[in-house]
C-alpha cells in the first residue's frame, strides 16, 4: 500500500536531488523510499560527504601534494612492516 507524506526540504537540496535521481534513471520518490527502507532495516543513518577543510588545513594539504609530486620529504617504500617499524623506532 502506498501513502503520501509531506516533508519540508531546502529548495536547492530538493532540486539537486531530483536532478541527480533523474540522471540515474530514478524518481526522487524511489530514492526517498529506498533511503527510508534502509533506515528502518539497519536502524541507523549513514552520512557520507566529502570533507570540507578549513583554509589552514587545505593549504597544508596543497603543500603536501606539491612535495609528493616533487618527490620531497618521502620515506619508503619499505619491504615489509618490520622494516617500517625498524625505521620508525630508530
N, C-alpha and C. Protein backbone atom coordinates (compact mmCIF):
# COMPACT_ATOMS: atom_id res chain seq x y z
N UNK A 1 0.84 -1.18 0.00
CA UNK A 1 0.00 0.00 0.00
C UNK A 1 0.89 1.24 0.00
N UNK A 2 0.56 2.19 -0.82
CA UNK A 2 1.31 3.44 -0.91
C UNK A 2 0.59 4.51 -0.10
N UNK A 3 1.36 5.48 0.39
CA UNK A 3 0.80 6.61 1.10
C UNK A 3 1.56 7.86 0.69
N UNK A 4 0.97 9.00 0.91
CA UNK A 4 1.60 10.27 0.56
C UNK A 4 1.97 10.99 1.86
N UNK A 5 3.13 11.61 1.85
CA UNK A 5 3.56 12.38 3.00
C UNK A 5 4.17 13.69 2.52
N UNK A 6 4.17 14.67 3.37
CA UNK A 6 4.80 15.95 3.05
C UNK A 6 5.94 16.19 4.01
N UNK A 7 7.06 16.58 3.46
CA UNK A 7 8.20 16.93 4.30
C UNK A 7 8.78 18.25 3.79
N UNK A 8 9.34 19.01 4.69
CA UNK A 8 9.95 20.27 4.32
C UNK A 8 11.42 20.04 3.99
N UNK A 9 11.81 20.53 2.81
CA UNK A 9 13.19 20.39 2.34
C UNK A 9 13.69 21.75 1.90
N UNK A 10 15.00 21.91 1.95
CA UNK A 10 15.58 23.09 1.34
C UNK A 10 15.35 22.98 -0.16
N UNK A 11 14.91 24.07 -0.77
CA UNK A 11 14.59 24.06 -2.20
C UNK A 11 15.76 23.59 -3.04
N UNK A 12 16.97 24.12 -2.75
CA UNK A 12 18.16 23.75 -3.52
C UNK A 12 18.47 22.27 -3.39
N UNK A 13 18.33 21.73 -2.19
CA UNK A 13 18.61 20.31 -1.95
C UNK A 13 17.63 19.45 -2.75
N UNK A 14 16.35 19.82 -2.71
CA UNK A 14 15.34 19.04 -3.43
C UNK A 14 15.63 19.07 -4.93
N UNK A 15 15.93 20.24 -5.46
CA UNK A 15 16.18 20.36 -6.90
C UNK A 15 17.42 19.57 -7.31
N UNK A 16 18.49 19.67 -6.50
CA UNK A 16 19.72 18.93 -6.81
C UNK A 16 19.49 17.43 -6.73
N UNK A 17 18.76 16.99 -5.70
CA UNK A 17 18.49 15.56 -5.53
C UNK A 17 17.61 15.04 -6.66
N UNK A 18 16.61 15.81 -7.06
CA UNK A 18 15.73 15.39 -8.15
C UNK A 18 16.51 15.28 -9.45
N UNK A 19 17.41 16.24 -9.69
CA UNK A 19 18.22 16.22 -10.91
C UNK A 19 19.13 14.99 -10.93
N UNK A 20 19.81 14.73 -9.81
CA UNK A 20 20.70 13.57 -9.73
C UNK A 20 19.92 12.27 -9.88
N UNK A 21 18.78 12.18 -9.22
CA UNK A 21 17.95 10.97 -9.35
C UNK A 21 17.57 10.74 -10.81
N UNK A 22 17.18 11.81 -11.49
CA UNK A 22 16.80 11.70 -12.90
C UNK A 22 17.98 11.23 -13.75
N UNK A 23 19.17 11.78 -13.47
CA UNK A 23 20.37 11.37 -14.20
C UNK A 23 20.64 9.88 -14.02
N UNK A 24 20.27 9.35 -12.86
CA UNK A 24 20.48 7.94 -12.56
C UNK A 24 19.30 7.07 -12.98
N UNK A 25 18.29 7.71 -13.58
CA UNK A 25 17.13 6.96 -14.05
C UNK A 25 16.16 6.62 -12.95
N UNK A 26 16.16 7.40 -11.88
CA UNK A 26 15.29 7.14 -10.74
C UNK A 26 14.38 8.33 -10.50
N UNK A 27 13.31 8.08 -9.76
CA UNK A 27 12.49 9.19 -9.31
C UNK A 27 12.97 9.58 -7.91
N UNK A 28 12.71 10.82 -7.55
CA UNK A 28 13.07 11.26 -6.20
C UNK A 28 12.30 10.44 -5.16
N UNK A 29 11.09 10.08 -5.48
CA UNK A 29 10.28 9.27 -4.58
C UNK A 29 10.93 7.91 -4.32
N UNK A 30 11.48 7.28 -5.35
CA UNK A 30 12.12 5.97 -5.16
C UNK A 30 13.40 6.10 -4.33
N UNK A 31 14.11 7.21 -4.50
CA UNK A 31 15.32 7.44 -3.69
C UNK A 31 14.95 7.60 -2.22
N UNK A 32 13.93 8.41 -1.95
CA UNK A 32 13.49 8.63 -0.56
C UNK A 32 12.99 7.32 0.02
N UNK A 33 12.21 6.57 -0.76
CA UNK A 33 11.68 5.29 -0.29
C UNK A 33 12.80 4.33 0.06
N UNK A 34 13.80 4.20 -0.82
CA UNK A 34 14.92 3.30 -0.57
C UNK A 34 15.71 3.73 0.66
N UNK A 35 15.89 5.04 0.82
CA UNK A 35 16.62 5.55 1.97
C UNK A 35 15.88 5.24 3.27
N UNK A 36 14.58 5.45 3.28
CA UNK A 36 13.79 5.16 4.48
C UNK A 36 13.75 3.66 4.79
N UNK A 37 13.70 2.82 3.75
CA UNK A 37 13.74 1.37 3.98
C UNK A 37 15.06 0.96 4.61
N UNK A 38 16.14 1.53 4.10
CA UNK A 38 17.46 1.22 4.68
C UNK A 38 17.52 1.67 6.13
N UNK A 39 16.99 2.85 6.41
CA UNK A 39 16.95 3.38 7.77
C UNK A 39 16.19 2.43 8.70
N UNK A 40 15.06 1.94 8.26
CA UNK A 40 14.25 1.03 9.08
C UNK A 40 14.97 -0.31 9.26
N UNK A 41 15.50 -0.86 8.18
CA UNK A 41 16.14 -2.18 8.25
C UNK A 41 17.42 -2.17 9.08
N UNK A 42 18.23 -1.11 8.94
CA UNK A 42 19.52 -1.07 9.63
C UNK A 42 19.47 -0.33 10.96
N UNK A 43 18.40 0.40 11.18
CA UNK A 43 18.21 1.18 12.42
C UNK A 43 19.37 2.15 12.64
N UNK A 44 19.83 2.75 11.55
CA UNK A 44 20.90 3.73 11.63
C UNK A 44 20.84 4.66 10.43
N UNK A 45 21.46 5.80 10.58
CA UNK A 45 21.56 6.77 9.49
C UNK A 45 23.03 6.93 9.17
N UNK A 46 23.37 6.81 7.89
CA UNK A 46 24.76 6.94 7.46
C UNK A 46 24.88 8.23 6.66
N UNK A 47 25.76 9.10 7.12
CA UNK A 47 26.03 10.33 6.39
C UNK A 47 27.38 10.19 5.72
N UNK A 48 27.43 10.53 4.47
CA UNK A 48 28.68 10.44 3.73
C UNK A 48 28.84 11.71 2.92
N UNK A 49 29.94 12.38 3.13
CA UNK A 49 30.20 13.60 2.37
C UNK A 49 31.70 13.80 2.26
N UNK A 50 32.09 14.52 1.25
CA UNK A 50 33.49 14.87 1.13
C UNK A 50 33.84 15.86 2.23
N UNK A 51 34.97 15.67 2.87
CA UNK A 51 35.32 16.60 3.95
C UNK A 51 35.58 18.00 3.41
N UNK A 52 35.17 18.98 4.18
CA UNK A 52 35.46 20.37 3.84
C UNK A 52 36.44 20.89 4.88
N UNK A 53 37.66 21.15 4.43
CA UNK A 53 38.71 21.57 5.34
C UNK A 53 38.70 23.08 5.52
N UNK A 54 39.14 23.52 6.70
CA UNK A 54 39.31 24.96 6.86
C UNK A 54 40.52 25.39 6.02
N UNK A 55 40.70 26.69 5.85
CA UNK A 55 41.72 27.17 4.92
C UNK A 55 43.13 26.75 5.34
N UNK A 56 43.41 26.75 6.64
CA UNK A 56 44.75 26.35 7.11
C UNK A 56 45.04 24.90 6.73
N UNK A 57 44.10 24.00 6.97
CA UNK A 57 44.28 22.59 6.64
C UNK A 57 44.36 22.39 5.13
N UNK A 58 43.50 23.09 4.39
CA UNK A 58 43.53 22.98 2.93
C UNK A 58 44.88 23.42 2.38
N UNK A 59 45.48 24.47 2.94
CA UNK A 59 46.79 24.93 2.49
C UNK A 59 47.86 23.89 2.81
N UNK A 60 47.80 23.28 3.97
CA UNK A 60 48.76 22.23 4.33
C UNK A 60 48.66 21.05 3.35
N UNK A 61 47.44 20.67 3.00
CA UNK A 61 47.25 19.57 2.06
C UNK A 61 47.81 19.94 0.69
N UNK A 62 47.60 21.17 0.25
CA UNK A 62 48.17 21.61 -1.03
C UNK A 62 49.70 21.51 -1.00
N UNK A 63 50.31 21.94 0.11
CA UNK A 63 51.77 21.87 0.23
C UNK A 63 52.26 20.43 0.23
N UNK A 64 51.58 19.57 0.93
CA UNK A 64 51.95 18.15 0.97
C UNK A 64 51.87 17.54 -0.42
N UNK A 65 50.80 17.86 -1.16
CA UNK A 65 50.66 17.32 -2.51
C UNK A 65 51.79 17.81 -3.42
N UNK A 66 52.19 19.08 -3.28
CA UNK A 66 53.30 19.60 -4.07
C UNK A 66 54.59 18.85 -3.74
N UNK A 67 54.82 18.58 -2.47
CA UNK A 67 56.01 17.84 -2.07
C UNK A 67 56.00 16.42 -2.62
N UNK A 68 54.84 15.79 -2.63
CA UNK A 68 54.74 14.43 -3.17
C UNK A 68 55.08 14.44 -4.65
N UNK A 69 54.52 15.39 -5.39
CA UNK A 69 54.80 15.48 -6.83
C UNK A 69 56.28 15.73 -7.07
N UNK A 70 56.90 16.58 -6.21
CA UNK A 70 58.32 16.91 -6.35
C UNK A 70 59.22 15.81 -5.79
N UNK A 71 58.64 14.81 -5.14
CA UNK A 71 59.43 13.73 -4.56
C UNK A 71 60.20 14.15 -3.32
N UNK A 72 59.73 15.17 -2.63
CA UNK A 72 60.41 15.67 -1.43
C UNK A 72 59.75 15.12 -0.16
N UNK A 73 60.57 14.96 0.88
CA UNK A 73 60.09 14.55 2.20
C UNK A 73 59.34 13.22 2.18
N UNK A 74 59.76 12.31 1.33
CA UNK A 74 59.14 11.00 1.26
C UNK A 74 60.08 9.96 1.84
N UNK A 75 59.51 8.99 2.53
CA UNK A 75 60.28 7.90 3.12
C UNK A 75 59.63 6.60 2.69
N UNK A 76 60.43 5.62 2.36
CA UNK A 76 59.89 4.36 1.91
C UNK A 76 60.00 4.28 0.41
N UNK A 77 59.44 3.30 -0.23
CA UNK A 77 58.63 2.26 0.39
C UNK A 77 59.48 1.27 1.17
N UNK A 78 58.84 0.59 2.08
CA UNK A 78 59.51 -0.41 2.90
C UNK A 78 59.22 -1.80 2.35
N UNK A 79 60.16 -2.69 2.52
CA UNK A 79 60.00 -4.07 2.03
C UNK A 79 58.87 -4.78 2.76
N UNK A 80 58.70 -4.46 4.05
CA UNK A 80 57.65 -5.09 4.84
C UNK A 80 57.40 -4.25 6.09
N UNK A 81 56.45 -4.67 6.88
CA UNK A 81 56.08 -3.94 8.09
C UNK A 81 57.23 -3.89 9.10
N UNK A 82 58.02 -4.95 9.16
CA UNK A 82 59.15 -4.98 10.10
C UNK A 82 60.17 -3.90 9.74
N UNK A 83 60.42 -3.70 8.46
CA UNK A 83 61.36 -2.67 8.02
C UNK A 83 60.83 -1.28 8.36
N UNK A 84 59.55 -1.09 8.16
CA UNK A 84 58.94 0.20 8.51
C UNK A 84 59.03 0.44 10.01
N UNK A 85 58.72 -0.57 10.79
CA UNK A 85 58.77 -0.45 12.25
C UNK A 85 60.19 -0.13 12.70
N UNK A 86 61.16 -0.80 12.12
CA UNK A 86 62.56 -0.55 12.49
C UNK A 86 62.93 0.89 12.19
N UNK A 87 62.49 1.40 11.05
CA UNK A 87 62.78 2.79 10.70
C UNK A 87 62.13 3.74 11.70
N UNK A 88 60.90 3.49 12.04
CA UNK A 88 60.16 4.39 12.95
C UNK A 88 60.72 4.37 14.36
N UNK A 89 61.29 3.25 14.79
CA UNK A 89 61.77 3.13 16.15
C UNK A 89 63.23 3.53 16.32
N UNK A 90 63.91 3.88 15.24
CA UNK A 90 65.33 4.24 15.40
C UNK A 90 65.48 5.66 15.91
